[in-house]
Protein backbone atom coordinates (compact mmCIF):
# COMPACT_ATOMS: atom_id res chain seq x y z
CA UNK A 1 -57.10 -42.30 0.23
CA UNK A 2 -54.34 -43.60 0.55
CA UNK A 3 -52.46 -41.60 -2.46
CA UNK A 4 -53.83 -39.06 -0.06
CA UNK A 5 -52.21 -40.09 3.20
CA UNK A 6 -48.67 -41.44 1.24
CA UNK A 7 -48.48 -37.68 -0.44
CA UNK A 8 -48.99 -36.09 3.02
CA UNK A 9 -46.69 -38.65 4.63
CA UNK A 10 -43.66 -38.05 1.90
CA UNK A 11 -44.18 -34.11 2.54
CA UNK A 12 -43.80 -34.42 6.26
CA UNK A 13 -41.08 -36.29 5.91
CA UNK A 14 -39.92 -33.63 3.36
CA UNK A 15 -40.29 -31.53 5.27
CA UNK A 16 -38.43 -32.73 8.02
CA UNK A 17 -34.79 -34.24 5.84
CA UNK A 18 -35.21 -29.96 5.12
CA UNK A 19 -34.89 -29.35 8.07
CA UNK A 20 -32.73 -31.35 9.78
CA UNK A 21 -30.06 -30.16 6.57
CA UNK A 22 -30.91 -26.45 7.32
CA UNK A 23 -30.23 -27.29 11.21
CA UNK A 24 -27.00 -28.95 10.74
CA UNK A 25 -25.87 -26.47 8.34
CA UNK A 26 -26.30 -23.32 11.41
CA UNK A 27 -23.19 -22.02 13.22
CA UNK A 28 -22.72 -23.07 16.06
CA UNK A 29 -25.05 -20.91 18.90
CA UNK A 30 -22.86 -18.38 21.46
CA UNK A 31 -22.65 -16.52 24.43
CA UNK A 32 -22.52 -12.91 24.50
CA UNK A 33 -20.79 -13.02 28.03
CA UNK A 34 -19.24 -16.56 28.07
CA UNK A 35 -16.48 -16.66 25.82
CA UNK A 36 -16.62 -20.43 23.55
CA UNK A 37 -12.74 -20.86 24.45
CA UNK A 38 -14.05 -20.00 28.30
CA UNK A 39 -16.51 -23.41 27.79
CA UNK A 40 -14.38 -24.76 26.05
CA UNK A 41 -11.95 -24.64 29.32
CA UNK A 42 -14.98 -26.66 31.15
CA UNK A 43 -15.44 -29.03 28.78
CA UNK A 44 -18.09 -27.62 27.20
CA UNK A 45 -18.80 -27.24 23.10
CA UNK A 46 -21.94 -26.39 21.93
CA UNK A 47 -24.20 -26.73 18.70
CA UNK A 48 -27.33 -25.72 16.67
CA UNK A 49 -30.83 -26.65 18.41
CA UNK A 50 -32.02 -29.37 16.44
CA UNK A 51 -35.44 -29.87 17.54
CA UNK A 52 -38.93 -31.72 15.59
CA UNK A 53 -41.21 -29.14 12.84
CA UNK A 54 -44.39 -30.58 15.25
CA UNK A 55 -42.83 -28.18 18.47
CA UNK A 56 -44.12 -25.07 17.64
CA UNK A 57 -48.11 -26.90 17.74
CA UNK A 58 -46.75 -28.58 21.31
CA UNK A 59 -45.59 -25.26 22.90
CA UNK A 60 -49.26 -23.77 22.16
CA UNK A 61 -50.50 -26.85 23.29
CA UNK A 62 -48.58 -26.63 26.51
CA UNK A 63 -49.21 -22.94 26.07
CA UNK A 64 -53.34 -23.52 26.34
CA UNK A 65 -52.49 -26.29 29.43
CA UNK A 66 -53.67 -29.26 26.73
CA UNK A 67 -50.64 -31.39 27.59
CA UNK A 68 -48.32 -30.97 30.64
CA UNK A 69 -45.10 -29.56 29.01
CA UNK A 70 -43.47 -29.32 25.56
CA UNK A 71 -40.33 -31.98 26.92
CA UNK A 72 -43.13 -34.77 26.41
CA UNK A 73 -43.21 -34.99 22.84
CA UNK A 74 -39.50 -34.65 22.62
CA UNK A 75 -39.74 -30.46 21.70
CA UNK A 76 -37.61 -27.99 23.77
CA UNK A 77 -39.48 -26.96 27.26
CA UNK A 78 -39.30 -23.47 27.06
CA UNK A 79 -36.85 -20.89 28.25
CA UNK A 80 -38.45 -19.22 31.65
CA UNK A 81 -38.89 -22.86 32.39
CA UNK A 82 -35.39 -23.96 31.86
CA UNK A 83 -34.56 -20.16 33.52
CA UNK A 84 -36.29 -20.94 36.82
CA UNK A 85 -34.90 -24.63 36.64
CA UNK A 86 -31.21 -23.33 36.99
CA UNK A 87 -32.34 -20.48 39.58
CA UNK A 88 -33.68 -23.08 41.83
CA UNK A 89 -30.26 -25.55 41.07
CA UNK A 90 -28.06 -22.53 41.67
CA UNK A 91 -29.36 -18.99 43.44
CA UNK A 92 -28.48 -15.54 41.84
CA UNK A 93 -30.00 -13.67 38.73
CA UNK A 94 -29.92 -15.32 35.06
CA UNK A 95 -28.34 -13.16 32.80
CA UNK A 96 -28.78 -15.04 29.51
CA UNK A 97 -29.65 -18.50 27.97
CA UNK A 98 -29.67 -20.51 25.28
CA UNK A 99 -30.69 -23.58 23.65
CA UNK A 100 -28.40 -25.58 21.68
CA UNK A 101 -26.39 -29.53 21.24
CA UNK A 102 -24.71 -29.74 24.27
CA UNK A 103 -21.84 -31.81 24.70
CA UNK A 104 -19.87 -31.82 27.88
CA UNK A 105 -16.41 -33.16 28.36
CA UNK A 106 -15.49 -32.21 31.28
CA UNK A 107 -15.57 -33.34 35.47
CA UNK A 108 -18.57 -32.20 37.43
CA UNK A 109 -20.89 -32.43 33.92
CA UNK A 110 -20.95 -35.91 33.12
CA UNK A 111 -25.10 -36.38 33.35
CA UNK A 112 -24.18 -33.79 30.12
CA UNK A 113 -23.54 -36.44 27.50
CA UNK A 114 -23.03 -36.07 23.79
CA UNK A 115 -25.04 -33.81 21.63
CA UNK A 116 -28.05 -33.51 23.91
CA UNK A 117 -31.22 -31.01 23.32
CA UNK A 118 -30.36 -28.28 26.79
CA UNK A 119 -30.08 -25.18 27.54
CA UNK A 120 -27.44 -22.60 28.72
CA UNK A 121 -28.09 -20.73 31.25
CA UNK A 122 -25.57 -18.45 32.75
CA UNK A 123 -25.91 -17.66 36.01
CA UNK A 124 -24.04 -14.82 37.70
CA UNK A 125 -24.52 -14.14 42.06
CA UNK A 126 -23.89 -10.38 43.38
CA UNK A 127 -20.52 -9.03 43.45
CA UNK A 128 -18.26 -9.23 46.67
CA UNK A 129 -15.61 -7.56 47.37
CA UNK A 130 -12.21 -9.43 49.52
CA UNK A 131 -11.39 -6.80 52.11
CA UNK A 132 -6.71 -6.44 52.49
CA UNK A 133 -6.34 -8.48 56.30
CA UNK A 134 -6.64 -5.51 59.00
CA UNK A 135 -8.80 -3.67 57.09
CA UNK A 136 -12.37 -4.81 59.05
CA UNK A 137 -14.92 -2.64 60.37
CA UNK A 138 -13.88 -0.35 62.16
CA UNK A 139 -11.00 0.75 60.94
CA UNK A 140 -11.99 -0.35 57.17
CA UNK A 141 -12.86 3.47 55.89
CA UNK A 142 -9.52 4.39 55.25
CA UNK A 143 -7.62 5.34 52.32
CA UNK A 144 -4.45 2.71 53.32
CA UNK A 145 -8.10 -0.25 52.98
CA UNK A 146 -9.30 1.27 49.87
CA UNK A 147 -5.90 1.52 48.60
CA UNK A 148 -5.22 -2.65 49.76
CA UNK A 149 -8.63 -3.63 48.89
CA UNK A 150 -9.03 -6.47 45.73
CA UNK A 151 -11.56 -5.32 43.37
CA UNK A 152 -14.95 -6.91 43.30
CA UNK A 153 -14.99 -10.26 42.03
CA UNK A 154 -18.26 -11.96 40.45
CA UNK A 155 -19.05 -15.47 40.33
CA UNK A 156 -20.49 -16.71 37.06
CA UNK A 157 -21.23 -20.16 36.72
CA UNK A 158 -23.21 -21.87 34.18
CA UNK A 159 -26.29 -24.56 34.15
CA UNK A 160 -27.24 -26.98 31.90
CA UNK A 161 -30.57 -28.05 32.40
CA UNK A 162 -32.21 -30.65 30.07
CA UNK A 163 -34.36 -29.16 27.22
CA UNK A 164 -36.74 -31.76 27.39
CA UNK A 165 -37.15 -32.50 31.09
CA UNK A 166 -36.63 -28.86 32.55
CA UNK A 167 -34.37 -30.59 35.16
CA UNK A 168 -30.83 -28.85 35.89
CA UNK A 169 -27.96 -31.70 34.69
CA UNK A 170 -24.90 -29.79 36.11
CA UNK A 171 -23.48 -26.51 37.48
CA UNK A 172 -20.40 -25.03 36.13
CA UNK A 173 -18.14 -22.95 38.11
CA UNK A 174 -16.35 -20.57 35.15
CA UNK A 175 -13.26 -19.76 35.87
CA UNK A 176 -12.40 -16.05 37.51
CA UNK A 177 -10.39 -13.18 34.90
CA UNK A 178 -6.92 -12.81 36.88
CA UNK A 179 -6.75 -10.15 39.83
CA UNK A 180 -4.00 -7.63 38.54
CA UNK A 181 -1.33 -7.26 41.26
CA UNK A 182 -1.56 -4.11 43.85
CA UNK A 183 0.81 -1.52 43.25
CA UNK A 184 3.82 -1.98 44.37
CA UNK A 185 3.89 0.54 47.84
CA UNK A 186 0.27 0.50 48.23
CA UNK A 187 0.81 -2.55 51.24
């Protein structure tokens, strides 16, 4: 019996070592809508997420209601829970979310720390238009006002959600792309 238990422990240990080796060789995950250079500019770097091999079974137990959350066993909460937490912290629509080992070095992300298992959720607010001076209702529909109006601006932020607790740790505003100057003679 002891030999059987030792064999089982050895097999599980071997599986963990293999999984961690494979995870360490995975490339860093990337967001589709936010370039990695933009993330680096706000002090965020991503690496492949590393989770224990039993997380699939833990998530199934949480889905069945047998446990409170997969996070209680050191496994990541599911994507839907992370998106809900991000949208509670910052209203808007979540355009994407990915699980990663997140390291934050910028101001405003101090609670994230180094190599934390976390969800990175991109929140996009509704676009808005900044009108030019003097173009207010009821006189805001003319050609002059249309030519002086700035283009649509969108507000995009990244919310870092702790992978195991599902709690929002930081919300970082992403730099807005440069607005082109108005054409000469437009104003």
